Amino acid sequence: MSSLRKVFSVLVLSVTFMVCGTVAFVQEAEGAENSIAIDAFTLFKGFTAWESDPKANYFNIAASFEHVVAPHFSIGANFDMYYIKYDSVDALYLAGTGEFRHYPQSADCSKFFMGAELGLNRFAIDGKAKAKDGGFFGLLTALKVGYKLTFSAKQGIYMEPSMSYVLSKMSSADTITPLGWQGGLRIGYTF
């Protein structure tokens, strides 16, 4: 059971790192105000983990939404879910954050950005999120820098690489733990 907890801990840390460290390339879209994206690293890690252990089943997704609220500024939301079934044990990691971004180089919210995230994350084993059962529930926050690279002059596909410095409640500890710098890659669509 202790090795299973180690596996779950590593997966949860990996998810948090990817979520909070999304490196962003966004497309320059005149008149476009909304973007949706998924994290390519999260999907890749899920597929890789699924193939590496026949006893385990994984379903991983990290999705985001961004809305331009003023020239150079946007707000958004991020949602991450990792479901793991190993033999007869179910584990579920959920994270939801709100995000604020500033794009100093571009009024249409593309190119280089700086941002901050604030939200909550939860990890439960067999539906139990208490520390004595190996789970947790707590604050998730990050400072992020990245670049939004667009592939067309208006709406269309974009890539978003970024780096984030993450703080999170990750274990039975009563304090928030610094997880350090994390990287990620989102692929999305601006409309």
Protein backbone atom coordinates (compact mmCIF):
# COMPACT_ATOMS: atom_id res chain seq x y z
CA MET A 1 0.00 0.00 0.00
CA SER A 2 2.87 2.42 0.69
CA SER A 3 4.25 1.96 -2.86
CA LEU A 4 0.77 2.67 -4.23
CA ARG A 5 0.64 5.90 -2.23
CA LYS A 6 4.04 6.85 -3.64
CA VAL A 7 2.74 6.29 -7.18
CA PHE A 8 -0.33 8.43 -6.45
CA SER A 9 1.82 11.14 -4.86
CA VAL A 10 4.10 11.28 -7.90
CA LEU A 11 1.09 11.49 -10.23
CA VAL A 12 -0.50 14.27 -8.20
CA LEU A 13 2.76 16.22 -8.15
CA SER A 14 3.14 15.76 -11.91
CA VAL A 15 -0.38 17.01 -12.53
CA THR A 16 0.10 20.04 -10.34
CA PHE A 17 3.40 20.84 -12.03
CA MET A 18 1.86 20.67 -15.49
CA VAL A 19 -1.25 22.60 -14.53
CA CYS A 20 0.55 25.44 -12.85
CA GLY A 21 3.38 25.64 -15.33
CA THR A 22 1.63 26.04 -18.64
CA VAL A 23 3.85 27.72 -21.23
CA ALA A 24 1.62 29.73 -23.53
CA PHE A 25 1.70 30.69 -27.21
CA VAL A 26 -1.52 32.48 -28.25
CA GLN A 27 -2.62 33.52 -31.66
CA GLU A 28 -3.11 37.16 -32.62
CA ALA A 29 -6.81 37.31 -33.36
CA GLU A 30 -8.35 40.66 -34.24
CA GLY A 31 -11.73 40.85 -32.56
CA ALA A 32 -11.32 37.45 -30.91
CA GLU A 33 -12.17 37.59 -27.23
CA ASN A 34 -12.30 33.96 -26.06
CA SER A 35 -9.90 31.03 -26.07
CA ILE A 36 -10.21 27.40 -25.03
CA ALA A 37 -7.27 25.01 -24.63
CA ILE A 38 -6.11 21.63 -23.37
CA ASP A 39 -2.72 20.78 -21.90
CA ALA A 40 -0.77 18.52 -24.26
CA PHE A 41 1.62 17.38 -21.49
CA THR A 42 -1.29 16.12 -19.38
CA LEU A 43 -2.69 14.05 -22.24
CA PHE A 44 0.76 12.68 -23.13
CA LYS A 45 1.49 11.68 -19.52
CA GLY A 46 -1.89 9.96 -19.27
CA PHE A 47 -1.33 7.95 -22.46
CA THR A 48 2.21 7.05 -21.40
CA ALA A 49 1.13 5.93 -17.92
CA TRP A 50 -1.73 3.87 -19.36
CA GLU A 51 0.64 1.98 -21.65
CA SER A 52 3.28 1.41 -18.96
CA ASP A 53 1.13 -0.53 -16.46
CA PRO A 54 -1.62 -2.95 -17.59
CA LYS A 55 -3.16 -2.99 -14.07
CA ALA A 56 -3.79 0.76 -14.15
CA ASN A 57 -6.41 2.84 -15.95
CA TYR A 58 -5.96 6.58 -16.38
CA PHE A 59 -8.14 9.43 -17.62
CA ASN A 60 -6.37 12.81 -17.53
CA ILE A 61 -7.52 16.17 -18.83
CA ALA A 62 -6.45 19.75 -18.21
CA ALA A 63 -8.65 22.38 -19.86
CA SER A 64 -8.74 26.16 -19.75
CA PHE A 65 -10.89 29.10 -20.83
CA GLU A 66 -9.68 32.68 -21.33
CA HIS A 67 -11.71 35.86 -21.95
CA VAL A 68 -10.29 39.25 -22.98
CA VAL A 69 -11.70 41.88 -20.60
CA ALA A 70 -9.70 44.94 -21.75
CA PRO A 71 -6.73 45.72 -24.00
CA HIS A 72 -3.71 43.87 -22.56
CA PHE A 73 -5.79 42.05 -19.87
CA SER A 74 -7.68 38.75 -19.67
CA ILE A 75 -9.31 36.54 -17.07
CA GLY A 76 -9.90 32.82 -17.25
CA ALA A 77 -10.43 29.51 -15.53
CA ASN A 78 -8.46 26.27 -15.47
CA PHE A 79 -9.80 22.82 -14.65
CA ASP A 80 -7.71 19.68 -14.17
CA MET A 81 -8.88 16.14 -13.55
CA TYR A 82 -6.84 12.98 -13.13
CA TYR A 83 -8.69 9.72 -12.57
CA ILE A 84 -6.59 6.67 -11.73
CA LYS A 85 -7.81 3.14 -11.12
CA TYR A 86 -5.15 0.72 -9.93
CA ASP A 87 -6.42 -2.82 -9.24
CA SER A 88 -9.42 -2.12 -6.98
CA VAL A 89 -8.29 1.33 -5.79
CA ASP A 90 -9.75 4.51 -7.29
CA ALA A 91 -7.99 7.86 -7.03
CA LEU A 92 -9.21 11.24 -8.24
CA TYR A 93 -7.33 14.55 -8.42
CA LEU A 94 -9.31 17.72 -9.15
CA ALA A 95 -8.06 21.29 -9.39
CA GLY A 96 -9.85 24.48 -10.33
CA THR A 97 -8.26 27.92 -10.53
CA GLY A 98 -9.15 31.39 -11.66
CA GLU A 99 -6.47 33.17 -13.68
CA PHE A 100 -5.61 36.82 -14.39
CA ARG A 101 -3.18 37.71 -17.21
CA HIS A 102 -1.43 40.86 -18.42
CA TYR A 103 -0.04 41.03 -21.98
CA PRO A 104 2.35 44.05 -21.98
CA GLN A 105 3.30 43.75 -25.69
CA SER A 106 -0.11 43.23 -27.27
CA ALA A 107 -3.49 44.90 -26.83
CA ASP A 108 -5.24 41.86 -28.34
CA CYS A 109 -3.89 39.53 -25.62
CA SER A 110 -1.29 37.59 -27.55
CA LYS A 111 2.50 37.19 -27.34
CA PHE A 112 4.31 37.49 -23.96
CA PHE A 113 2.18 37.42 -20.78
CA MET A 114 2.47 37.46 -16.99
CA GLY A 115 -0.27 36.05 -14.81
CA ALA A 116 -1.43 34.70 -11.49
CA GLU A 117 -3.68 31.76 -10.57
CA LEU A 118 -5.66 31.11 -7.40
CA GLY A 119 -7.90 28.15 -6.64
CA LEU A 120 -8.30 24.82 -4.88
CA ASN A 121 -7.12 21.26 -5.43
CA ARG A 122 -8.29 17.95 -3.99
CA PHE A 123 -6.94 14.41 -4.07
CA ALA A 124 -9.09 11.49 -2.90
CA ILE A 125 -8.39 7.77 -2.68
CA ASP A 126 -11.57 5.66 -2.83
CA GLY A 127 -13.55 8.87 -2.29
CA LYS A 128 -11.68 9.84 0.89
CA ALA A 129 -9.74 13.12 0.84
CA LYS A 130 -8.68 13.17 4.50
CA ALA A 131 -4.96 13.14 5.27
CA LYS A 132 -5.22 9.91 7.28
CA ASP A 133 -6.53 8.20 4.12
CA GLY A 134 -3.75 9.59 1.88
CA GLY A 135 -5.72 12.47 0.37
CA PHE A 136 -5.76 16.24 0.74
CA PHE A 137 -7.81 19.35 0.05
CA GLY A 138 -6.38 22.85 -0.06
CA LEU A 139 -5.21 26.02 -1.75
CA LEU A 140 -3.43 26.12 -5.11
CA THR A 141 -1.75 29.29 -6.34
CA ALA A 142 0.83 30.15 -9.00
CA LEU A 143 2.66 33.00 -10.72
CA LYS A 144 3.03 32.39 -14.44
CA VAL A 145 4.95 33.74 -17.45
CA GLY A 146 4.56 32.52 -21.01
CA TYR A 147 4.01 33.26 -24.67
CA LYS A 148 0.86 32.89 -26.78
CA LEU A 149 1.79 31.97 -30.36
CA THR A 150 -1.00 32.25 -32.92
CA PHE A 151 -1.08 30.73 -36.38
CA SER A 152 -3.53 33.05 -38.17
CA ALA A 153 -4.48 36.74 -38.23
CA LYS A 154 -7.96 36.08 -36.81
CA GLN A 155 -9.52 33.19 -34.95
CA GLY A 156 -7.79 29.85 -35.05
CA ILE A 157 -5.33 27.48 -33.41
CA TYR A 158 -2.65 28.62 -30.98
CA MET A 159 0.10 27.15 -28.77
CA GLU A 160 0.90 28.41 -25.30
CA PRO A 161 4.16 27.44 -23.55
CA SER A 162 4.66 28.81 -20.01
CA MET A 163 6.51 28.49 -16.72
CA SER A 164 4.86 28.85 -13.31
CA TYR A 165 6.05 29.05 -9.75
CA VAL A 166 3.55 26.96 -7.78
CA LEU A 167 2.44 26.79 -4.16
CA SER A 168 0.00 24.04 -3.18
CA LYS A 169 -1.47 21.99 -0.38
CA MET A 170 -0.12 18.59 -1.40
CA SER A 171 -0.14 16.34 1.65
CA SER A 172 -1.25 15.98 5.23
CA ALA A 173 0.89 19.00 6.17
CA ASP A 174 -1.08 21.98 7.46
CA THR A 175 0.96 24.42 5.40
CA ILE A 176 1.14 25.26 1.72
CA THR A 177 4.20 23.72 0.07
CA PRO A 178 6.29 25.49 -2.58
CA LEU A 179 6.53 23.15 -5.55
CA GLY A 180 8.91 25.37 -7.51
CA TRP A 181 8.99 26.15 -11.23
CA GLN A 182 6.79 24.02 -13.49
CA GLY A 183 6.42 23.97 -17.27
CA GLY A 184 3.57 23.10 -19.59
CA LEU A 185 2.22 23.38 -23.12
CA ARG A 186 -1.37 24.21 -23.99
CA ILE A 187 -2.88 23.87 -27.45
CA GLY A 188 -6.07 25.78 -28.06
CA TYR A 189 -8.48 27.68 -30.27
CA THR A 190 -9.26 31.41 -30.23
CA PHE A 191 -12.73 32.55 -31.29
